[in-house]
């Protein structure tokens, strides 16, 4: 092995601090909270530590095979990416893409290896996020960095229909916060969660706008939000990651099953706002709650189930999720396949071509998480 470095009594009488509420087990919320009583208000505070394990087994390799696993490579005031360990019967190397610094474990398997496997375990810490709109702080980024996060990518153009749509959506807005709010509201009002989309979607925002097909998943809807922000000069970025455990607020669609995290990949967003720095955003999860939290499709963000989520995800998110990277247009080292629009899933190839990352049972891979609780 190589080491590399709920609310049982009317929301508890609605008088306890939010940090206390957030710390309660998800099951207690899920069992006791009625729709009219829903609360979703993540607040920063305590750090949580998780151990995340990804295991890949190539069942019937054809010739030499290669695997790339995303490795948590984000270190911020809301996540600490710590140590990573791995075992494999191939030649494994920790590396990164050449542009965004997205870390990955790259593994080569010899043609004679009949049962290629690799297992990666990462330890990370996360905490909730919530911007204090009343508090102003000095910008923490220089001009070059902000310019970098305004530039277009292959799937996120910032001209043409993207810019036209963004300008129309933000008409009358005077501040960066107003512009971001209008774009966030536009995504919630005009797009929708489409469960039939494979994986997290592809994020081809120009095609979405040109065809008028505004259904998709997180990598589509949050990408559209990010692209529209960039189109009007707001630095913004997608943050690609993985849900780890259930939501502490009882929302079944906003959490993951730690025993099996297949399909738990989730893309979030950040926008840089003057006076506030990088601010958390996730309009795609609002549309997910609207579409899938209840048997019936909720059409209004003012519905009591949706409203607290719609409010909190403009400026915050829950720390039951980890980030891998913020990379676009990822060229995997030594790959014979196409450039990736983003890197959030295990990727594999052999002589027959690239495997389907959206079919973990065929690939095959499995992901699990374990929360490490330190005795008080």
Protein backbone atom coordinates (compact mmCIF):
# COMPACT_ATOMS: atom_id res chain seq x y z
CA UNK A 1 0.00 0.00 0.00
CA UNK A 2 1.24 3.45 -0.88
CA UNK A 3 0.32 6.57 1.10
CA UNK A 4 0.40 9.92 -0.65
CA UNK A 5 -0.49 12.30 0.99
CA UNK A 6 -36.71 15.45 12.97
CA UNK A 7 -37.80 17.69 14.51
CA UNK A 8 -39.53 15.82 17.15
CA UNK A 9 -41.24 18.83 18.70
CA UNK A 10 -42.15 21.38 16.05
CA UNK A 11 -38.53 21.93 15.10
CA UNK A 12 -37.66 21.77 18.78
CA UNK A 13 -39.99 24.69 19.40
CA UNK A 14 -38.06 26.57 16.73
CA UNK A 15 -35.90 28.05 19.45
CA UNK A 16 -32.75 25.98 19.27
CA UNK A 17 -29.77 27.27 17.36
CA UNK A 18 -29.50 26.19 13.74
CA UNK A 19 -26.20 24.53 14.44
CA UNK A 20 -27.92 22.30 16.98
CA UNK A 21 -30.65 21.41 14.50
CA UNK A 22 -28.14 20.66 11.76
CA UNK A 23 -26.32 18.24 14.00
CA UNK A 24 -29.35 16.02 14.57
CA UNK A 25 -29.54 12.62 12.81
CA UNK A 26 -31.16 12.68 9.40
CA UNK A 27 -33.56 9.89 10.37
CA UNK A 28 -35.21 11.95 13.10
CA UNK A 29 -36.05 14.68 10.60
CA UNK A 30 -37.24 12.26 7.97
CA UNK A 31 -39.61 10.51 10.35
CA UNK A 32 -41.12 13.49 12.13
CA UNK A 33 -41.01 16.49 9.80
CA UNK A 34 -44.23 17.19 7.94
CA UNK A 35 -44.12 19.05 4.59
CA UNK A 36 -45.29 22.32 6.14
CA UNK A 37 -42.55 22.11 8.75
CA UNK A 38 -39.59 21.50 6.47
CA UNK A 39 -36.34 23.16 7.42
CA UNK A 40 -33.19 23.39 5.35
CA UNK A 41 -30.66 25.78 6.80
CA UNK A 42 -27.06 24.54 6.77
CA UNK A 43 -24.72 26.67 8.83
CA UNK A 44 -20.92 26.48 9.02
CA UNK A 45 -19.40 25.24 12.23
CA UNK A 46 -18.23 21.74 13.02
CA UNK A 47 -16.02 19.83 10.59
CA UNK A 48 -16.98 16.29 9.59
CA UNK A 49 -14.39 13.68 8.60
CA UNK A 50 -15.07 11.04 5.96
CA UNK A 51 -13.18 8.14 4.49
CA UNK A 52 -14.24 7.52 0.88
CA UNK A 53 -13.30 4.32 -0.95
CA UNK A 54 -13.54 3.67 -4.68
CA UNK A 55 -12.99 0.12 -5.97
CA UNK A 56 -12.67 -0.72 -9.66
CA UNK A 57 -12.63 -4.25 -11.08
CA UNK A 58 -12.33 -4.74 -14.83
CA UNK A 59 -14.28 -7.94 -15.37
CA UNK A 60 -13.22 -8.96 -18.87
CA UNK A 61 -10.36 -6.80 -20.10
CA UNK A 62 -9.44 -6.83 -23.76
CA UNK A 63 -5.75 -6.21 -23.96
CA UNK A 64 -3.94 -3.67 -21.82
CA UNK A 65 -6.27 -1.55 -19.69
CA UNK A 66 -6.08 1.88 -18.05
CA UNK A 67 -8.11 3.51 -15.28
CA UNK A 68 -8.38 7.10 -14.06
CA UNK A 69 -10.01 7.85 -10.70
CA UNK A 70 -10.81 11.41 -9.57
CA UNK A 71 -9.05 12.32 -6.34
CA UNK A 72 -10.31 15.04 -4.01
CA UNK A 73 -8.09 18.03 -4.80
CA UNK A 74 -9.97 20.95 -3.26
CA UNK A 75 -8.65 22.70 -0.16
CA UNK A 76 -10.76 25.65 0.97
CA UNK A 77 -12.51 27.04 4.02
CA UNK A 78 -15.22 24.41 3.51
CA UNK A 79 -13.21 21.31 2.55
CA UNK A 80 -9.85 19.82 3.49
CA UNK A 81 -8.53 17.14 1.14
CA UNK A 82 -6.21 15.05 3.26
CA UNK A 83 -4.41 11.77 2.62
CA UNK A 84 -4.98 9.16 -0.10
CA UNK A 85 -3.98 5.50 -0.11
CA UNK A 86 -4.37 2.88 -2.82
CA UNK A 87 -3.74 -0.76 -3.70
CA UNK A 88 -3.70 -2.31 -7.17
CA UNK A 89 -2.24 -5.09 -9.27
CA UNK A 90 -1.38 -2.48 -11.88
CA UNK A 91 1.12 0.34 -12.02
CA UNK A 92 -0.51 3.26 -10.18
CA UNK A 93 0.53 6.90 -10.14
CA UNK A 94 -0.98 10.00 -8.56
CA UNK A 95 -1.03 12.77 -11.16
CA UNK A 96 -3.10 15.76 -12.28
CA UNK A 97 -4.46 17.35 -15.43
CA UNK A 98 -2.32 20.05 -16.96
CA UNK A 99 -4.71 23.00 -16.65
CA UNK A 100 -6.97 22.92 -13.60
CA UNK A 101 -4.88 20.82 -11.26
CA UNK A 102 -7.56 18.14 -11.00
CA UNK A 103 -5.82 15.29 -9.20
CA UNK A 104 -6.33 11.70 -10.25
CA UNK A 105 -5.03 8.20 -9.71
CA UNK A 106 -3.85 6.78 -13.02
CA UNK A 107 -3.38 3.00 -13.27
CA UNK A 108 -1.94 0.94 -16.13
CA UNK A 109 -2.62 -2.81 -16.30
CA UNK A 110 -0.54 -5.24 -18.31
CA UNK A 111 -2.22 -7.14 -21.12
CA UNK A 112 -1.64 -10.41 -19.30
CA UNK A 113 -3.45 -9.22 -16.14
CA UNK A 114 -6.72 -11.20 -16.10
CA UNK A 115 -8.39 -9.47 -13.15
CA UNK A 116 -7.30 -5.84 -12.99
CA UNK A 117 -8.35 -3.97 -9.88
CA UNK A 118 -7.60 -0.78 -8.01
CA UNK A 119 -8.89 0.50 -4.68
CA UNK A 120 -8.48 4.12 -3.63
CA UNK A 121 -9.27 5.46 -0.17
CA UNK A 122 -9.29 9.17 0.57
CA UNK A 123 -9.80 11.03 3.81
CA UNK A 124 -11.46 14.43 3.64
CA UNK A 125 -13.12 16.92 5.95
CA UNK A 126 -16.14 19.05 5.10
CA UNK A 127 -18.40 21.60 6.72
CA UNK A 128 -21.65 23.37 5.86
CA UNK A 129 -21.59 26.67 4.01
CA UNK A 130 -23.82 29.74 4.38
CA UNK A 131 -22.86 33.26 3.36
CA UNK A 132 -23.53 36.09 5.77
CA UNK A 133 -25.04 38.66 3.42
CA UNK A 134 -24.74 41.38 6.08
CA UNK A 135 -21.00 40.94 6.52
CA UNK A 136 -18.61 42.40 3.96
CA UNK A 137 -15.10 41.11 3.52
CA UNK A 138 -12.22 41.98 1.24
CA UNK A 139 -11.92 40.04 -2.02
CA UNK A 140 -9.47 37.16 -1.67
CA UNK A 141 -8.70 36.65 -5.37
CA UNK A 142 -6.46 38.60 -7.72
CA UNK A 143 -7.55 39.94 -11.10
CA UNK A 144 -5.89 37.15 -13.09
CA UNK A 145 -7.68 34.45 -11.10
CA UNK A 146 -11.05 36.14 -11.53
CA UNK A 147 -10.43 36.54 -15.26
CA UNK A 148 -9.61 32.84 -15.46
CA UNK A 149 -13.03 31.93 -14.06
CA UNK A 150 -14.79 34.17 -16.59
CA UNK A 151 -13.38 32.48 -19.66
CA UNK A 152 -15.38 30.15 -21.89
CA UNK A 153 -14.83 26.39 -22.18
CA UNK A 154 -15.81 23.96 -24.93
CA UNK A 155 -19.23 23.35 -23.35
CA UNK A 156 -19.61 26.75 -21.69
CA UNK A 157 -19.45 29.45 -24.38
CA UNK A 158 -20.00 32.97 -23.11
CA UNK A 159 -21.15 34.66 -26.33
CA UNK A 160 -24.15 34.27 -28.65
CA UNK A 161 -27.31 32.82 -27.20
CA UNK A 162 -25.72 32.27 -23.78
CA UNK A 163 -24.87 35.94 -23.36
CA UNK A 164 -28.19 37.07 -24.88
CA UNK A 165 -30.14 34.90 -22.46
CA UNK A 166 -28.07 36.04 -19.49
CA UNK A 167 -28.48 39.72 -20.36
CA UNK A 168 -32.25 39.33 -20.70
CA UNK A 169 -32.47 37.41 -17.40
CA UNK A 170 -30.52 40.06 -15.47
CA UNK A 171 -32.18 43.16 -16.92
CA UNK A 172 -32.55 45.80 -14.22
CA UNK A 173 -30.04 44.20 -11.82
CA UNK A 174 -27.59 46.71 -10.38
CA UNK A 175 -25.20 44.68 -8.21
CA UNK A 176 -23.33 41.42 -8.56
CA UNK A 177 -25.57 39.84 -5.94
CA UNK A 178 -28.69 41.00 -7.83
CA UNK A 179 -27.32 39.57 -11.08
CA UNK A 180 -26.49 36.24 -9.49
CA UNK A 181 -29.92 36.08 -7.84
CA UNK A 182 -31.71 36.77 -11.11
CA UNK A 183 -29.72 34.06 -12.90
CA UNK A 184 -30.33 31.59 -10.08
CA UNK A 185 -34.06 32.36 -10.16
CA UNK A 186 -34.05 32.03 -13.96
CA UNK A 187 -32.58 28.52 -13.72
CA UNK A 188 -35.15 27.45 -11.12
CA UNK A 189 -38.05 28.95 -13.12
CA UNK A 190 -37.07 27.87 -16.63
CA UNK A 191 -35.18 24.58 -16.36
CA UNK A 192 -36.24 21.27 -14.86
CA UNK A 193 -34.79 18.07 -13.53
CA UNK A 194 -35.03 15.26 -16.09
CA UNK A 195 -34.51 11.91 -14.33
CA UNK A 196 -34.05 10.05 -17.62
CA UNK A 197 -30.80 11.86 -18.43
CA UNK A 198 -27.79 9.57 -18.06
CA UNK A 199 -25.45 10.25 -15.19
CA UNK A 200 -25.31 13.94 -14.30
CA UNK A 201 -25.79 15.11 -17.88
CA UNK A 202 -23.26 16.50 -20.34
CA UNK A 203 -23.36 20.28 -19.74
CA UNK A 204 -23.73 21.38 -23.39
CA UNK A 205 -25.40 24.68 -22.53
CA UNK A 206 -25.44 26.21 -26.02
CA UNK A 207 -27.37 23.24 -27.39
CA UNK A 208 -29.78 23.39 -24.46
CA UNK A 209 -30.62 27.02 -25.20
CA UNK A 210 -30.73 26.64 -28.97
CA UNK A 211 -33.07 23.63 -28.86
CA UNK A 212 -35.14 24.96 -25.97
CA UNK A 213 -34.69 21.62 -24.23
CA UNK A 214 -33.95 22.87 -20.72
CA UNK A 215 -34.35 19.55 -18.93
CA UNK A 216 -31.30 17.91 -17.45
CA UNK A 217 -29.37 17.11 -14.33
CA UNK A 218 -26.83 18.92 -12.20
CA UNK A 219 -23.99 19.02 -14.75
CA UNK A 220 -26.45 20.56 -17.22
CA UNK A 221 -28.38 22.99 -15.05
CA UNK A 222 -25.56 24.24 -12.84
CA UNK A 223 -23.34 24.48 -15.93
CA UNK A 224 -25.96 26.70 -17.53
CA UNK A 225 -25.97 28.87 -14.43
CA UNK A 226 -22.16 29.09 -14.43
CA UNK A 227 -21.99 29.82 -18.16
CA UNK A 228 -24.58 32.58 -17.91
CA UNK A 229 -22.72 34.11 -14.96
CA UNK A 230 -19.49 34.16 -16.94
CA UNK A 231 -21.27 35.60 -19.95
CA UNK A 232 -22.11 38.78 -18.03
CA UNK A 233 -18.74 39.02 -16.30
CA UNK A 234 -19.35 37.20 -13.02
CA UNK A 235 -16.52 34.78 -12.18
CA UNK A 236 -18.13 31.38 -11.64
CA UNK A 237 -17.18 27.72 -11.64
CA UNK A 238 -18.66 24.26 -11.46
CA UNK A 239 -17.52 22.13 -8.54
CA UNK A 240 -17.66 18.40 -9.28
CA UNK A 241 -18.07 15.96 -6.43
CA UNK A 242 -19.98 13.24 -4.61
CA UNK A 243 -22.79 13.05 -2.05
CA UNK A 244 -21.58 11.04 0.93
CA UNK A 245 -24.31 10.63 3.55
CA UNK A 246 -28.00 11.51 4.06
CA UNK A 247 -29.06 15.11 4.55
CA UNK A 248 -29.38 16.17 8.19
CA UNK A 249 -32.63 17.90 7.23
CA UNK A 250 -34.58 14.86 6.03
CA UNK A 251 -34.48 15.58 2.28
CA UNK A 252 -34.00 12.17 0.68
CA UNK A 253 -32.88 13.65 -2.65
CA UNK A 254 -30.15 15.77 -1.07
CA UNK A 255 -28.07 12.97 0.37
CA UNK A 256 -26.32 9.72 -0.44
CA UNK A 257 -26.28 6.17 0.86
CA UNK A 258 -22.75 5.76 2.24
CA UNK A 259 -22.83 1.97 1.76
CA UNK A 260 -23.29 2.39 -2.00
CA UNK A 261 -22.61 5.72 -3.68
CA UNK A 262 -23.11 4.62 -7.27
CA UNK A 263 -24.97 7.48 -8.93
CA UNK A 264 -24.23 9.86 -6.04
CA UNK A 265 -22.04 12.15 -8.15
CA UNK A 266 -23.22 15.74 -7.95
CA UNK A 267 -22.02 19.02 -9.43
CA UNK A 268 -22.43 22.28 -7.51
CA UNK A 269 -21.47 25.87 -8.37
CA UNK A 270 -19.67 28.88 -6.96
CA UNK A 271 -19.87 32.55 -7.94
CA UNK A 272 -17.42 35.25 -6.92
CA UNK A 273 -19.33 38.26 -5.57
CA UNK A 274 -17.61 41.48 -4.61
CA UNK A 275 -17.57 41.89 -0.85
CA UNK A 276 -18.41 38.22 -0.25
CA UNK A 277 -15.79 36.18 -2.08
CA UNK A 278 -16.63 32.77 -3.50
CA UNK A 279 -20.26 32.00 -2.69
CA UNK A 280 -21.95 28.57 -2.82
CA UNK A 281 -24.82 28.02 -5.28
CA UNK A 282 -26.90 25.02 -6.32
CA UNK A 283 -30.04 25.82 -8.34
CA UNK A 284 -29.95 22.30 -9.83
CA UNK A 285 -30.71 20.77 -6.44
CA UNK A 286 -33.74 23.04 -6.13
CA UNK A 287 -35.10 21.54 -9.35
CA UNK A 288 -34.27 18.06 -8.06
CA UNK A 289 -36.35 18.59 -4.93
CA UNK A 290 -39.17 20.00 -7.07
CA UNK A 291 -39.17 16.98 -9.36
CA UNK A 292 -38.22 14.03 -7.18
CA UNK A 293 -38.62 14.73 -3.46
CA UNK A 294 -42.33 13.82 -3.56
CA UNK A 295 -44.34 11.50 -5.86
CA UNK A 296 -45.88 14.56 -7.54
CA UNK A 297 -43.80 17.08 -9.48
CA UNK A 298 -43.80 20.33 -7.51
CA UNK A 299 -43.96 23.27 -9.91
CA UNK A 300 -43.51 26.22 -7.55
CA UNK A 301 -40.33 27.12 -5.63
CA UNK A 302 -42.62 28.70 -3.03
CA UNK A 303 -44.05 25.29 -2.10
CA UNK A 304 -43.26 24.69 1.62
CA UNK A 305 -41.11 21.68 0.76
CA UNK A 306 -39.05 23.57 -1.82
CA UNK A 307 -38.94 27.09 -0.37
CA UNK A 308 -36.28 26.52 2.34
CA UNK A 309 -34.05 24.70 -0.14
CA UNK A 310 -34.48 27.42 -2.76
CA UNK A 311 -33.52 30.04 -0.20
CA UNK A 312 -30.57 28.23 1.40
CA UNK A 313 -28.90 27.03 -1.81
CA UNK A 314 -28.45 30.62 -2.94
CA UNK A 315 -25.39 31.20 -0.81
CA UNK A 316 -24.94 27.87 0.93
CA UNK A 317 -24.89 24.11 0.82
CA UNK A 318 -24.76 21.16 3.19
CA UNK A 319 -21.44 19.54 4.04
CA UNK A 320 -22.63 15.97 3.40
CA UNK A 321 -20.89 16.18 0.01
CA UNK A 322 -17.26 16.32 -1.07
CA UNK A 323 -15.64 18.07 -4.02
CA UNK A 324 -13.24 16.39 -6.41
CA UNK A 325 -12.26 19.32 -8.62
CA UNK A 326 -13.39 22.34 -10.66
CA UNK A 327 -12.03 21.16 -14.01
CA UNK A 328 -13.42 21.48 -17.52
CA UNK A 329 -12.13 20.10 -20.82
CA UNK A 330 -10.06 17.45 -19.06
CA UNK A 331 -7.46 15.61 -21.10
CA UNK A 332 -6.68 12.38 -19.30
CA UNK A 333 -2.97 11.53 -19.46
CA UNK A 334 -2.18 8.56 -21.75
CA UNK A 335 -5.83 8.27 -22.82
CA UNK A 336 -6.81 7.34 -26.36
CA UNK A 337 -10.34 8.62 -25.81
CA UNK A 338 -11.94 12.03 -26.17
CA UNK A 339 -11.42 14.99 -23.86
CA UNK A 340 -13.87 14.97 -20.95
CA UNK A 341 -16.21 17.91 -20.43
CA UNK A 342 -15.68 17.31 -16.70
CA UNK A 343 -14.08 14.65 -14.49
CA UNK A 344 -16.41 13.32 -11.79
CA UNK A 345 -16.66 9.58 -12.55
CA UNK A 346 -14.15 6.74 -12.73
CA UNK A 347 -12.93 6.35 -16.31
CA UNK A 348 -11.49 3.22 -17.91
CA UNK A 349 -10.26 2.03 -21.29
CA UNK A 350 -8.88 -1.10 -22.90
CA UNK A 351 -8.18 -2.19 -26.47
CA UNK A 352 -11.93 -2.10 -27.23
CA UNK A 353 -12.23 1.58 -26.27
CA UNK A 354 -13.52 3.59 -23.34
CA UNK A 355 -15.86 2.00 -20.81
CA UNK A 356 -19.25 3.50 -19.93
CA UNK A 357 -18.67 5.46 -16.73
CA UNK A 358 -22.44 5.71 -16.23
CA UNK A 359 -22.74 1.90 -15.96
CA UNK A 360 -20.86 1.04 -12.75
CA UNK A 361 -22.16 -2.54 -12.66
CA UNK A 362 -20.68 -3.25 -16.08
CA UNK A 363 -17.41 -1.36 -15.64
CA UNK A 364 -17.35 -2.34 -12.74
CA UNK A 365 -16.85 0.07 -9.85
CA UNK A 366 -18.29 0.81 -6.44
CA UNK A 367 -17.91 3.76 -4.08
CA UNK A 368 -18.61 3.88 -0.36
CA UNK A 369 -18.07 6.33 2.49
CA UNK A 370 -17.56 6.09 6.22
CA UNK A 371 -17.87 8.98 8.63
CA UNK A 372 -15.15 9.05 11.25
CA UNK A 373 -16.53 10.35 14.52
CA UNK A 374 -14.02 11.43 17.13
CA UNK A 375 -15.17 10.85 20.72
CA UNK A 376 -15.81 14.11 22.54
